[in-house]
Amino acid sequence: MIDGISALRPQKHWISSVLGNIASFLSMGIIVCVCGLILILIFYHGAEVVSWDFLITEPNPSAIHTESGGILTPILGTMILTLVGILFALPFALATALFLCFYSKKGFLKTLVKSGVDILSGVPTIVIALFALAIFTQPYMAFLSSAIEGVEGSNRAYGKSFLAAGVTMAIMILPFVIKAMEESLKNVPQAYIDGAYALGANKWTTIRRVVLLSARDGLVTGTILGMGRIIGDTAIVWLVLGGTIRMTGLQPWYAVENWWSTLTNTGCTLTSYIYFTSPAGEGNHYTVAFGASLVLIAIILLLNLAATLIGGIGANKHG
């Protein structure tokens, strides 16, 4: 009887292995098909609109499709917001990752920090945007946007600008960048650290000259992934940056002397432009929205490709 039961075990193991493989390949196929269908649909409707003129022409608020202009301002607005957001997030993310890896000990403080990071990663972006509006519309925060003038009884800040949206984006991407950087720091071989200590280096010198250099590729990858999160967000852009399809503030907005005015005023990104022009939002430029979507997808794909290549280079360096 025991021999009979033992003989059935390999057969059950084989069946479960086959079913597991089938489920894995089926799941992979569904995901690839859905992604492929989205890309094909966007390319089919948007390719006819995308051209060089479409990329270098500013948007034009017109109800006529042929006179709607291009997406130059949304592209530049996306770049400005991404740069501001990552510059605010990077030092805090790196400092937190270093604290969790090299300075914190098992206990209440480390658990509190890790729990805070996990909770923040699950907060919806619309909630973060509403929190930002509540903060940045306070009178003492007017330096990030502008004070409301000409309204009797109002003593509040406008609360919408590239700087305000950049700080909000930094809060939104912090947990994701922290986790990516923490994993990169953990992957530094312990032999490198022990060797630095053996040569007489203190902890900070070891971190600065050995750990950060060894984890450089992973840190860059985490930064790029954070940039991708900023580029793809809509809720924060719409509520904290504003819905203007052109740059506001002093003109010309790109002049060096007007940079601060540009950063403290409203603007547009590709995501808000897509919402503004699509029937799902406030517009009726169906093909224009798909053309902007195609450009946005291309930028995100390029960022992910860069992150993959940099991550692969770092993995090859460490064997």
C-alpha atoms as a PDB file:
ATOM      1  CA  MET A   1       0.000   0.000   0.000  1.00  0.00           C
ATOM      2  CA  ILE A   2       2.809   2.377   0.885  1.00  0.00           C
ATOM      3  CA  ASP A   3       4.543   1.588  -2.414  1.00  0.00           C
ATOM      4  CA  GLY A   4       1.338   2.433  -4.295  1.00  0.00           C
ATOM      5  CA  ILE A   5       1.028   5.814  -2.611  1.00  0.00           C
ATOM      6  CA  SER A   6       4.689   6.586  -3.315  1.00  0.00           C
ATOM      7  CA  ALA A   7       4.157   5.719  -6.966  1.00  0.00           C
ATOM      8  CA  LEU A   8       1.325   8.271  -7.245  1.00  0.00           C
ATOM      9  CA  ARG A   9       3.388  11.165  -5.886  1.00  0.00           C
ATOM     10  CA  PRO A  10       5.566  11.714  -8.993  1.00  0.00           C
ATOM     11  CA  GLN A  11       2.423  11.700 -11.147  1.00  0.00           C
ATOM     12  CA  LYS A  12       0.741  14.340  -8.967  1.00  0.00           C
ATOM     13  CA  HIS A  13       3.924  16.404  -9.025  1.00  0.00           C
ATOM     14  CA  TRP A  14       4.039  16.196 -12.827  1.00  0.00           C
ATOM     15  CA  ILE A  15       0.383  17.270 -13.158  1.00  0.00           C
ATOM     16  CA  SER A  16       0.826  20.248 -10.829  1.00  0.00           C
ATOM     17  CA  SER A  17       3.984  21.280 -12.706  1.00  0.00           C
ATOM     18  CA  VAL A  18       2.200  21.187 -16.063  1.00  0.00           C
ATOM     19  CA  LEU A  19      -0.784  23.141 -14.720  1.00  0.00           C
ATOM     20  CA  GLY A  20       1.551  25.708 -13.190  1.00  0.00           C
ATOM     21  CA  ASN A  21       3.384  26.168 -16.481  1.00  0.00           C
ATOM     22  CA  ILE A  22       0.109  26.496 -18.395  1.00  0.00           C
ATOM     23  CA  ALA A  23      -1.200  29.107 -15.926  1.00  0.00           C
ATOM     24  CA  SER A  24       2.071  31.061 -16.114  1.00  0.00           C
ATOM     25  CA  PHE A  25       2.175  31.127 -19.921  1.00  0.00           C
ATOM     26  CA  LEU A  26      -1.543  31.948 -20.101  1.00  0.00           C
ATOM     27  CA  SER A  27      -1.124  34.899 -17.731  1.00  0.00           C
ATOM     28  CA  MET A  28       1.913  36.128 -19.653  1.00  0.00           C
ATOM     29  CA  GLY A  29       0.036  35.828 -22.946  1.00  0.00           C
ATOM     30  CA  ILE A  30      -2.954  37.810 -21.649  1.00  0.00           C
ATOM     31  CA  ILE A  31      -0.719  40.610 -20.343  1.00  0.00           C
ATOM     32  CA  VAL A  32       1.274  40.790 -23.584  1.00  0.00           C
ATOM     33  CA  CYS A  33      -1.900  40.779 -25.691  1.00  0.00           C
ATOM     34  CA  VAL A  34      -3.523  43.562 -23.644  1.00  0.00           C
ATOM     35  CA  CYS A  35      -0.379  45.710 -23.804  1.00  0.00           C
ATOM     36  CA  GLY A  36       0.000  45.013 -27.508  1.00  0.00           C
ATOM     37  CA  LEU A  37      -3.641  45.882 -28.176  1.00  0.00           C
ATOM     38  CA  ILE A  38      -3.278  49.207 -26.361  1.00  0.00           C
ATOM     39  CA  LEU A  39      -0.130  50.091 -28.289  1.00  0.00           C
ATOM     40  CA  ILE A  40      -1.659  49.070 -31.629  1.00  0.00           C
ATOM     41  CA  LEU A  41      -4.823  51.100 -30.970  1.00  0.00           C
ATOM     42  CA  ILE A  42      -2.863  54.209 -29.964  1.00  0.00           C
ATOM     43  CA  PHE A  43      -0.540  53.869 -32.958  1.00  0.00           C
ATOM     44  CA  TYR A  44      -3.422  53.297 -35.369  1.00  0.00           C
ATOM     45  CA  HIS A  45      -5.293  56.442 -34.319  1.00  0.00           C
ATOM     46  CA  GLY A  46      -2.322  58.656 -33.457  1.00  0.00           C
ATOM     47  CA  ALA A  47       0.291  57.951 -36.130  1.00  0.00           C
ATOM     48  CA  GLU A  48      -1.495  60.050 -38.749  1.00  0.00           C
ATOM     49  CA  VAL A  49      -1.246  63.141 -36.518  1.00  0.00           C
ATOM     50  CA  VAL A  50       2.355  62.859 -35.331  1.00  0.00           C
ATOM     51  CA  SER A  51       4.762  64.857 -37.455  1.00  0.00           C
ATOM     52  CA  TRP A  52       7.666  67.222 -36.980  1.00  0.00           C
ATOM     53  CA  ASP A  53       5.327  70.234 -37.039  1.00  0.00           C
ATOM     54  CA  PHE A  54       3.115  68.525 -34.450  1.00  0.00           C
ATOM     55  CA  LEU A  55       6.125  68.227 -32.113  1.00  0.00           C
ATOM     56  CA  ILE A  56       7.507  71.752 -32.490  1.00  0.00           C
ATOM     57  CA  THR A  57       4.282  73.795 -32.639  1.00  0.00           C
ATOM     58  CA  GLU A  58       2.546  75.232 -29.585  1.00  0.00           C
ATOM     59  CA  PRO A  59      -1.075  74.220 -28.916  1.00  0.00           C
ATOM     60  CA  ASN A  60      -3.812  76.451 -30.197  1.00  0.00           C
ATOM     61  CA  PRO A  61      -7.161  76.632 -28.331  1.00  0.00           C
ATOM     62  CA  SER A  62      -9.445  75.977 -31.270  1.00  0.00           C
ATOM     63  CA  ALA A  63     -12.525  73.843 -31.808  1.00  0.00           C
ATOM     64  CA  ILE A  64     -11.304  72.991 -35.308  1.00  0.00           C
ATOM     65  CA  HIS A  65      -9.100  69.909 -35.475  1.00  0.00           C
ATOM     66  CA  THR A  66      -6.808  71.219 -38.212  1.00  0.00           C
ATOM     67  CA  GLU A  67      -6.128  74.420 -36.262  1.00  0.00           C
ATOM     68  CA  SER A  68      -5.419  72.849 -32.866  1.00  0.00           C
ATOM     69  CA  GLY A  69      -1.637  73.272 -33.240  1.00  0.00           C
ATOM     70  CA  GLY A  70       0.965  70.923 -31.805  1.00  0.00           C
ATOM     71  CA  ILE A  71       2.250  69.699 -28.446  1.00  0.00           C
ATOM     72  CA  LEU A  72       5.505  71.608 -27.946  1.00  0.00           C
ATOM     73  CA  THR A  73       4.384  73.280 -24.704  1.00  0.00           C
ATOM     74  CA  PRO A  74       3.014  70.031 -23.165  1.00  0.00           C
ATOM     75  CA  ILE A  75       6.281  68.229 -23.994  1.00  0.00           C
ATOM     76  CA  LEU A  76       8.390  70.991 -22.428  1.00  0.00           C
ATOM     77  CA  GLY A  77       6.000  71.198 -19.474  1.00  0.00           C
ATOM     78  CA  THR A  78       6.395  67.452 -18.937  1.00  0.00           C
ATOM     79  CA  MET A  79      10.180  67.808 -18.950  1.00  0.00           C
ATOM     80  CA  ILE A  80      10.134  70.782 -16.546  1.00  0.00           C
ATOM     81  CA  LEU A  81       7.781  69.079 -14.087  1.00  0.00           C
ATOM     82  CA  THR A  82       9.773  65.827 -14.224  1.00  0.00           C
ATOM     83  CA  LEU A  83      13.032  67.650 -13.582  1.00  0.00           C
ATOM     84  CA  VAL A  84      11.612  69.667 -10.677  1.00  0.00           C
ATOM     85  CA  GLY A  85       9.966  66.609  -9.118  1.00  0.00           C
ATOM     86  CA  ILE A  86      13.033  64.368  -9.330  1.00  0.00           C
ATOM     87  CA  LEU A  87      15.313  67.106  -7.987  1.00  0.00           C
ATOM     88  CA  PHE A  88      13.100  67.447  -4.910  1.00  0.00           C
ATOM     89  CA  ALA A  89      12.694  63.678  -4.415  1.00  0.00           C
ATOM     90  CA  LEU A  90      16.243  62.468  -5.063  1.00  0.00           C
ATOM     91  CA  PRO A  91      18.048  63.743  -1.920  1.00  0.00           C
ATOM     92  CA  PHE A  92      15.272  62.604   0.435  1.00  0.00           C
ATOM     93  CA  ALA A  93      14.961  59.197  -1.246  1.00  0.00           C
ATOM     94  CA  LEU A  94      18.707  58.572  -1.169  1.00  0.00           C
ATOM     95  CA  ALA A  95      19.027  59.734   2.445  1.00  0.00           C
ATOM     96  CA  THR A  96      16.152  57.479   3.539  1.00  0.00           C
ATOM     97  CA  ALA A  97      17.574  54.477   1.667  1.00  0.00           C
ATOM     98  CA  LEU A  98      20.993  55.023   3.272  1.00  0.00           C
ATOM     99  CA  PHE A  99      19.376  55.322   6.693  1.00  0.00           C
ATOM    100  CA  LEU A 100      17.466  52.053   6.278  1.00  0.00           C
ATOM    101  CA  CYS A 101      20.521  50.170   4.983  1.00  0.00           C
ATOM    102  CA  PHE A 102      23.406  51.480   7.094  1.00  0.00           C
ATOM    103  CA  TYR A 103      22.265  53.566  10.050  1.00  0.00           C
ATOM    104  CA  SER A 104      18.998  52.152  11.382  1.00  0.00           C
ATOM    105  CA  LYS A 105      18.842  49.191  13.712  1.00  0.00           C
ATOM    106  CA  LYS A 106      15.997  46.748  14.131  1.00  0.00           C
ATOM    107  CA  GLY A 107      13.458  48.438  16.322  1.00  0.00           C
ATOM    108  CA  PHE A 108      10.588  50.885  16.487  1.00  0.00           C
ATOM    109  CA  LEU A 109      12.196  53.672  14.425  1.00  0.00           C
ATOM    110  CA  LYS A 110      13.107  51.447  11.467  1.00  0.00           C
ATOM    111  CA  THR A 111       9.689  49.787  11.535  1.00  0.00           C
ATOM    112  CA  LEU A 112       8.036  53.218  11.639  1.00  0.00           C
ATOM    113  CA  VAL A 113      10.012  54.486   8.634  1.00  0.00           C
ATOM    114  CA  LYS A 114       9.386  51.348   6.556  1.00  0.00           C
ATOM    115  CA  SER A 115       5.683  51.393   7.449  1.00  0.00           C
ATOM    116  CA  GLY A 116       5.474  55.051   6.460  1.00  0.00           C
ATOM    117  CA  VAL A 117       7.073  54.303   3.098  1.00  0.00           C
ATOM    118  CA  ASP A 118       4.696  51.385   2.494  1.00  0.00           C
ATOM    119  CA  ILE A 119       1.621  53.410   3.466  1.00  0.00           C
ATOM    120  CA  LEU A 120       2.647  56.361   1.293  1.00  0.00           C
ATOM    121  CA  SER A 121       3.067  54.062  -1.708  1.00  0.00           C
ATOM    122  CA  GLY A 122      -0.587  53.038  -1.368  1.00  0.00           C
ATOM    123  CA  VAL A 123      -2.076  56.530  -1.064  1.00  0.00           C
ATOM    124  CA  PRO A 124      -4.005  57.479  -4.254  1.00  0.00           C
ATOM    125  CA  THR A 125      -2.497  60.362  -6.191  1.00  0.00           C
ATOM    126  CA  ILE A 126      -5.769  62.294  -6.031  1.00  0.00           C
ATOM    127  CA  VAL A 127      -5.517  62.295  -2.225  1.00  0.00           C
ATOM    128  CA  ILE A 128      -1.921  63.549  -2.406  1.00  0.00           C
ATOM    129  CA  ALA A 129      -3.072  66.284  -4.803  1.00  0.00           C
ATOM    130  CA  LEU A 130      -5.857  67.396  -2.463  1.00  0.00           C
ATOM    131  CA  PHE A 131      -3.391  67.438   0.438  1.00  0.00           C
ATOM    132  CA  ALA A 132      -1.022  69.573  -1.635  1.00  0.00           C
ATOM    133  CA  LEU A 133      -3.789  72.045  -2.506  1.00  0.00           C
ATOM    134  CA  ALA A 134      -4.678  72.392   1.167  1.00  0.00           C
ATOM    135  CA  ILE A 135      -1.037  73.206   1.975  1.00  0.00           C
ATOM    136  CA  PHE A 136       0.028  75.300  -1.025  1.00  0.00           C
ATOM    137  CA  THR A 137      -3.032  77.563  -0.924  1.00  0.00           C
ATOM    138  CA  GLN A 138      -2.022  78.827   2.520  1.00  0.00           C
ATOM    139  CA  PRO A 139      -0.822  82.471   2.471  1.00  0.00           C
ATOM    140  CA  TYR A 140       2.700  81.618   3.652  1.00  0.00           C
ATOM    141  CA  MET A 141       3.159  79.295   0.630  1.00  0.00           C
ATOM    142  CA  ALA A 142       2.491  82.035  -1.939  1.00  0.00           C
ATOM    143  CA  PHE A 143       6.182  82.105  -2.903  1.00  0.00           C
ATOM    144  CA  LEU A 144       5.672  78.763  -4.682  1.00  0.00           C
ATOM    145  CA  SER A 145       2.862  80.104  -6.862  1.00  0.00           C
ATOM    146  CA  SER A 146       1.262  83.528  -6.443  1.00  0.00           C
ATOM    147  CA  ALA A 147      -1.006  85.371  -4.057  1.00  0.00           C
ATOM    148  CA  ILE A 148      -4.661  85.833  -4.980  1.00  0.00           C
ATOM    149  CA  GLU A 149      -5.202  89.532  -5.559  1.00  0.00           C
ATOM    150  CA  GLY A 150      -8.247  91.584  -6.346  1.00  0.00           C
ATOM    151  CA  VAL A 151     -10.670  89.329  -4.433  1.00  0.00           C
ATOM    152  CA  GLU A 152     -12.133  90.977  -1.356  1.00  0.00           C
ATOM    153  CA  GLY A 153     -11.758  88.954   1.818  1.00  0.00           C
ATOM    154  CA  SER A 154      -9.326  86.460   0.227  1.00  0.00           C
ATOM    155  CA  ASN A 155      -5.908  85.991   1.753  1.00  0.00           C
ATOM    156  CA  ARG A 156      -4.745  82.793   0.149  1.00  0.00           C
ATOM    157  CA  ALA A 157      -2.197  81.616  -2.372  1.00  0.00           C
ATOM    158  CA  TYR A 158      -3.218  80.305  -5.773  1.00  0.00           C
ATOM    159  CA  GLY A 159      -1.459  76.999  -5.057  1.00  0.00           C
ATOM    160  CA  LYS A 160      -0.919  75.922  -8.690  1.00  0.00           C
ATOM    161  CA  SER A 161       2.480  76.062 -10.339  1.00  0.00           C
ATOM    162  CA  PHE A 162       5.355  73.930 -11.595  1.00  0.00           C
ATOM    163  CA  LEU A 163       7.082  74.240  -8.212  1.00  0.00           C
ATOM    164  CA  ALA A 164       3.983  73.230  -6.232  1.00  0.00           C
ATOM    165  CA  ALA A 165       3.293  70.326  -8.600  1.00  0.00           C
ATOM    166  CA  GLY A 166       6.970  69.306  -8.524  1.00  0.00           C
ATOM    167  CA  VAL A 167       6.987  69.082  -4.717  1.00  0.00           C
ATOM    168  CA  THR A 168       3.749  67.087  -4.845  1.00  0.00           C
ATOM    169  CA  MET A 169       5.183  64.739  -7.450  1.00  0.00           C
ATOM    170  CA  ALA A 170       8.258  64.250  -5.259  1.00  0.00           C
ATOM    171  CA  ILE A 171       6.011  63.133  -2.398  1.00  0.00           C
ATOM    172  CA  MET A 172       4.178  60.766  -4.724  1.00  0.00           C
ATOM    173  CA  ILE A 173       7.287  59.011  -6.092  1.00  0.00           C
ATOM    174  CA  LEU A 174       9.288  58.942  -2.835  1.00  0.00           C
ATOM    175  CA  PRO A 175       8.288  55.408  -1.734  1.00  0.00           C
ATOM    176  CA  PHE A 176       9.022  53.878  -5.141  1.00  0.00           C
ATOM    177  CA  VAL A 177      12.415  55.555  -5.511  1.00  0.00           C
ATOM    178  CA  ILE A 178      13.323  54.721  -1.892  1.00  0.00           C
ATOM    179  CA  LYS A 179      12.580  51.028  -2.381  1.00  0.00           C
ATOM    180  CA  ALA A 180      14.497  50.874  -5.663  1.00  0.00           C
ATOM    181  CA  MET A 181      17.513  52.605  -4.124  1.00  0.00           C
ATOM    182  CA  GLU A 182      17.359  50.467  -0.979  1.00  0.00           C
ATOM    183  CA  GLU A 183      17.491  47.275  -3.039  1.00  0.00           C
ATOM    184  CA  SER A 184      20.398  48.659  -5.049  1.00  0.00           C
ATOM    185  CA  LEU A 185      22.346  49.495  -1.881  1.00  0.00           C
ATOM    186  CA  LYS A 186      21.649  46.061  -0.406  1.00  0.00           C
ATOM    187  CA  ASN A 187      23.116  44.424  -3.513  1.00  0.00           C
ATOM    188  CA  VAL A 188      26.560  45.973  -2.978  1.00  0.00           C
ATOM    189  CA  PRO A 189      28.882  43.035  -2.113  1.00  0.00           C
ATOM    190  CA  GLN A 190      29.722  42.930   1.572  1.00  0.00           C
ATOM    191  CA  ALA A 191      33.347  42.246   0.632  1.00  0.00           C
ATOM    192  CA  TYR A 192      33.631  45.775  -0.789  1.00  0.00           C
ATOM    193  CA  ILE A 193      32.455  47.271   2.493  1.00  0.00           C
ATOM    194  CA  ASP A 194      34.663  45.025   4.640  1.00  0.00           C
ATOM    195  CA  GLY A 195      37.648  45.858   2.448  1.00  0.00           C
ATOM    196  CA  ALA A 196      37.081  49.588   2.932  1.00  0.00           C
ATOM    197  CA  TYR A 197      36.835  49.161   6.696  1.00  0.00           C
ATOM    198  CA  ALA A 198      39.997  47.045   6.668  1.00  0.00           C
ATOM    199  CA  LEU A 199      41.851  49.912   4.962  1.00  0.00           C
ATOM    200  CA  GLY A 200      40.825  52.262   7.781  1.00  0.00           C
ATOM    201  CA  ALA A 201      37.909  54.095   6.162  1.00  0.00           C
ATOM    202  CA  ASN A 202      35.065  55.200   8.401  1.00  0.00           C
ATOM    203  CA  LYS A 203      31.394  54.508   7.661  1.00  0.00           C
ATOM    204  CA  TRP A 204      30.640  57.738   5.767  1.00  0.00           C
ATOM    205  CA  THR A 205      33.800  57.479   3.652  1.00  0.00           C
ATOM    206  CA  THR A 206      32.920  53.870   2.838  1.00  0.00           C
ATOM    207  CA  ILE A 207      29.405  54.841   1.830  1.00  0.00           C
ATOM    208  CA  ARG A 208      30.540  57.810  -0.246  1.00  0.00           C
ATOM    209  CA  ARG A 209      33.514  56.239  -2.018  1.00  0.00           C
ATOM    210  CA  VAL A 210      32.556  52.569  -2.192  1.00  0.00           C
ATOM    211  CA  VAL A 211      28.830  51.923  -1.707  1.00  0.00           C
ATOM    212  CA  LEU A 212      27.428  54.793  -3.781  1.00  0.00           C
ATOM    213  CA  LEU A 213      29.848  54.149  -6.639  1.00  0.00           C
ATOM    214  CA  SER A 214      29.107  50.418  -6.652  1.00  0.00           C
ATOM    215  CA  ALA A 215      25.347  50.992  -6.532  1.00  0.00           C
ATOM    216  CA  ARG A 216      25.434  53.847  -9.038  1.00  0.00           C
ATOM    217  CA  ASP A 217      23.662  51.978 -11.842  1.00  0.00           C
ATOM    218  CA  GLY A 218      20.855  50.836  -9.553  1.00  0.00           C
ATOM    219  CA  LEU A 219      20.429  54.327  -8.144  1.00  0.00           C
ATOM    220  CA  VAL A 220      20.163  55.753 -11.658  1.00  0.00           C
ATOM    221  CA  THR A 221      17.616  53.065 -12.543  1.00  0.00           C
ATOM    222  CA  GLY A 222      15.482  53.979  -9.532  1.00  0.00           C
ATOM    223  CA  THR A 223      15.667  57.634 -10.505  1.00  0.00           C
ATOM    224  CA  ILE A 224      14.560  56.876 -14.063  1.00  0.00           C
ATOM    225  CA  LEU A 225      11.622  54.795 -12.830  1.00  0.00           C
ATOM    226  CA  GLY A 226      10.592  57.700 -10.604  1.00  0.00           C
ATOM    227  CA  MET A 227      10.710  60.006 -13.621  1.00  0.00           C
ATOM    228  CA  GLY A 228       8.407  57.614 -15.465  1.00  0.00           C
ATOM    229  CA  ARG A 229       5.890  57.818 -12.611  1.00  0.00           C
ATOM    230  CA  ILE A 230       5.882  61.610 -12.814  1.00  0.00           C
ATOM    231  CA  ILE A 231       5.448  61.645 -16.581  1.00  0.00           C
ATOM    232  CA  GLY A 232       2.434  59.323 -16.434  1.00  0.00           C
ATOM    233  CA  ASP A 233       0.459  61.033 -13.657  1.00  0.00           C
ATOM    234  CA  THR A 234      -2.635  63.123 -14.353  1.00  0.00           C
ATOM    235  CA  ALA A 235      -4.458  63.869 -11.087  1.00  0.00           C
ATOM    236  CA  ILE A 236      -1.640  65.872  -9.512  1.00  0.00           C
ATOM    237  CA  VAL A 237      -0.980  67.726 -12.765  1.00  0.00           C
ATOM    238  CA  TRP A 238      -4.603  68.727 -13.232  1.00  0.00           C
ATOM    239  CA  LEU A 239      -5.168  69.879  -9.642  1.00  0.00           C
ATOM    240  CA  VAL A 240      -1.779  71.325  -8.645  1.00  0.00           C
ATOM    241  CA  LEU A 241      -0.282  72.473 -11.966  1.00  0.00           C
ATOM    242  CA  GLY A 242      -3.438  73.653 -13.685  1.00  0.00           C
ATOM    243  CA  GLY A 243      -5.064  73.054 -17.032  1.00  0.00           C
ATOM    244  CA  THR A 244      -3.621  75.827 -19.197  1.00  0.00           C
ATOM    245  CA  ILE A 245      -2.356  74.456 -22.502  1.00  0.00           C
ATOM    246  CA  ARG A 246       0.333  77.153 -22.734  1.00  0.00           C
ATOM    247  CA  MET A 247       2.876  78.523 -20.281  1.00  0.00           C
ATOM    248  CA  THR A 248       1.625  81.411 -18.174  1.00  0.00           C
ATOM    249  CA  GLY A 249       3.606  84.060 -16.352  1.00  0.00           C
ATOM    250  CA  LEU A 250       5.936  86.592 -17.899  1.00  0.00           C
ATOM    251  CA  GLN A 251       6.556  86.184 -21.613  1.00  0.00           C
ATOM    252  CA  PRO A 252       8.552  84.956 -23.354  1.00  0.00           C
ATOM    253  CA  TRP A 253       8.433  82.197 -20.746  1.00  0.00           C
ATOM    254  CA  TYR A 254      11.724  80.614 -21.905  1.00  0.00           C
ATOM    255  CA  ALA A 255      13.811  83.779 -21.363  1.00  0.00           C
ATOM    256  CA  VAL A 256      16.327  83.352 -18.541  1.00  0.00           C
ATOM    257  CA  GLU A 257      15.006  86.358 -16.636  1.00  0.00           C
ATOM    258  CA  ASN A 258      11.497  84.826 -16.715  1.00  0.00           C
ATOM    259  CA  TRP A 259      12.381  81.306 -15.523  1.00  0.00           C
ATOM    260  CA  TRP A 260      11.252  81.913 -11.942  1.00  0.00           C
ATOM    261  CA  SER A 261       7.969  83.369 -13.186  1.00  0.00           C
ATOM    262  CA  THR A 262       7.464  80.275 -15.348  1.00  0.00           C
ATOM    263  CA  LEU A 263       8.121  77.919 -12.431  1.00  0.00           C
ATOM    264  CA  THR A 264       5.702  79.760 -10.153  1.00  0.00           C
ATOM    265  CA  ASN A 265       2.869  79.816 -12.673  1.00  0.00           C
ATOM    266  CA  THR A 266       0.628  77.240 -14.306  1.00  0.00           C
ATOM    267  CA  GLY A 267       1.318  75.138 -17.367  1.00  0.00           C
ATOM    268  CA  CYS A 268       0.554  71.883 -19.113  1.00  0.00           C
ATOM    269  CA  THR A 269       1.955  68.385 -19.522  1.00  0.00           C
ATOM    270  CA  LEU A 270       1.189  65.653 -22.017  1.00  0.00           C
ATOM    271  CA  THR A 271      -1.211  63.904 -19.638  1.00  0.00           C
ATOM    272  CA  SER A 272      -3.264  67.027 -18.910  1.00  0.00           C
ATOM    273  CA  TYR A 273      -3.205  67.946 -22.622  1.00  0.00           C
ATOM    274  CA  ILE A 274      -4.566  64.498 -23.503  1.00  0.00           C
ATOM    275  CA  TYR A 275      -7.356  64.941 -20.963  1.00  0.00           C
ATOM    276  CA  PHE A 276      -8.052  68.467 -22.223  1.00  0.00           C
ATOM    277  CA  THR A 277      -8.338  67.420 -25.878  1.00  0.00           C
ATOM    278  CA  SER A 278      -9.994  64.001 -25.575  1.00  0.00           C
ATOM    279  CA  PRO A 279     -13.764  63.359 -25.398  1.00  0.00           C
ATOM    280  CA  ALA A 280     -13.145  61.689 -22.026  1.00  0.00           C
ATOM    281  CA  GLY A 281     -12.126  65.090 -20.679  1.00  0.00           C
ATOM    282  CA  GLU A 282     -13.174  68.480 -21.961  1.00  0.00           C
ATOM    283  CA  GLY A 283     -12.359  68.359 -25.678  1.00  0.00           C
ATOM    284  CA  ASN A 284     -13.349  66.724 -28.934  1.00  0.00           C
ATOM    285  CA  HIS A 285      -9.983  66.390 -30.705  1.00  0.00           C
ATOM    286  CA  TYR A 286      -9.981  62.595 -30.824  1.00  0.00           C
ATOM    287  CA  THR A 287      -7.008  62.081 -33.129  1.00  0.00           C
ATOM    288  CA  VAL A 288      -4.938  64.845 -31.512  1.00  0.00           C
ATOM    289  CA  ALA A 289      -5.354  63.178 -28.114  1.00  0.00           C
ATOM    290  CA  PHE A 290      -4.186  59.870 -29.577  1.00  0.00           C
ATOM    291  CA  GLY A 291      -1.209  61.586 -31.210  1.00  0.00           C
ATOM    292  CA  ALA A 292      -0.164  63.075 -27.861  1.00  0.00           C
ATOM    293  CA  SER A 293      -0.737  59.661 -26.247  1.00  0.00           C
ATOM    294  CA  LEU A 294       1.585  58.061 -28.780  1.00  0.00           C
ATOM    295  CA  VAL A 295       4.342  60.557 -27.957  1.00  0.00           C
ATOM    296  CA  LEU A 296       3.793  60.002 -24.222  1.00  0.00           C
ATOM    297  CA  ILE A 297       3.984  56.214 -24.596  1.00  0.00           C
ATOM    298  CA  ALA A 298       7.173  56.577 -26.656  1.00  0.00           C
ATOM    299  CA  ILE A 299       8.811  58.688 -23.921  1.00  0.00           C
ATOM    300  CA  ILE A 300       7.838  56.212 -21.183  1.00  0.00           C
ATOM    301  CA  LEU A 301       9.083  53.266 -23.252  1.00  0.00           C
ATOM    302  CA  LEU A 302      12.406  54.999 -23.824  1.00  0.00           C
ATOM    303  CA  LEU A 303      12.764  55.669 -20.091  1.00  0.00           C
ATOM    304  CA  ASN A 304      11.992  52.043 -19.243  1.00  0.00           C
ATOM    305  CA  LEU A 305      14.433  50.870 -21.891  1.00  0.00           C
ATOM    306  CA  ALA A 306      17.118  53.114 -20.394  1.00  0.00           C
ATOM    307  CA  ALA A 307      16.367  51.744 -16.910  1.00  0.00           C
ATOM    308  CA  THR A 308      16.600  48.164 -18.199  1.00  0.00           C
ATOM    309  CA  LEU A 309      19.887  48.791 -19.991  1.00  0.00           C
ATOM    310  CA  ILE A 310      21.451  50.560 -17.015  1.00  0.00           C
ATOM    311  CA  GLY A 311      20.222  47.850 -14.644  1.00  0.00           C
ATOM    312  CA  GLY A 312      21.656  45.159 -16.929  1.00  0.00           C
ATOM    313  CA  ILE A 313      25.023  46.902 -17.064  1.00  0.00           C
ATOM    314  CA  GLY A 314      25.122  47.087 -13.275  1.00  0.00           C
ATOM    315  CA  ALA A 315      24.211  43.411 -12.934  1.00  0.00           C
ATOM    316  CA  ASN A 316      26.955  42.393 -15.367  1.00  0.00           C
ATOM    317  CA  LYS A 317      29.531  44.411 -13.438  1.00  0.00           C
ATOM    318  CA  HIS A 318      28.798  42.482 -10.252  1.00  0.00           C
ATOM    319  CA  GLY A 319      28.553  39.115 -11.969  1.00  0.00           C
END
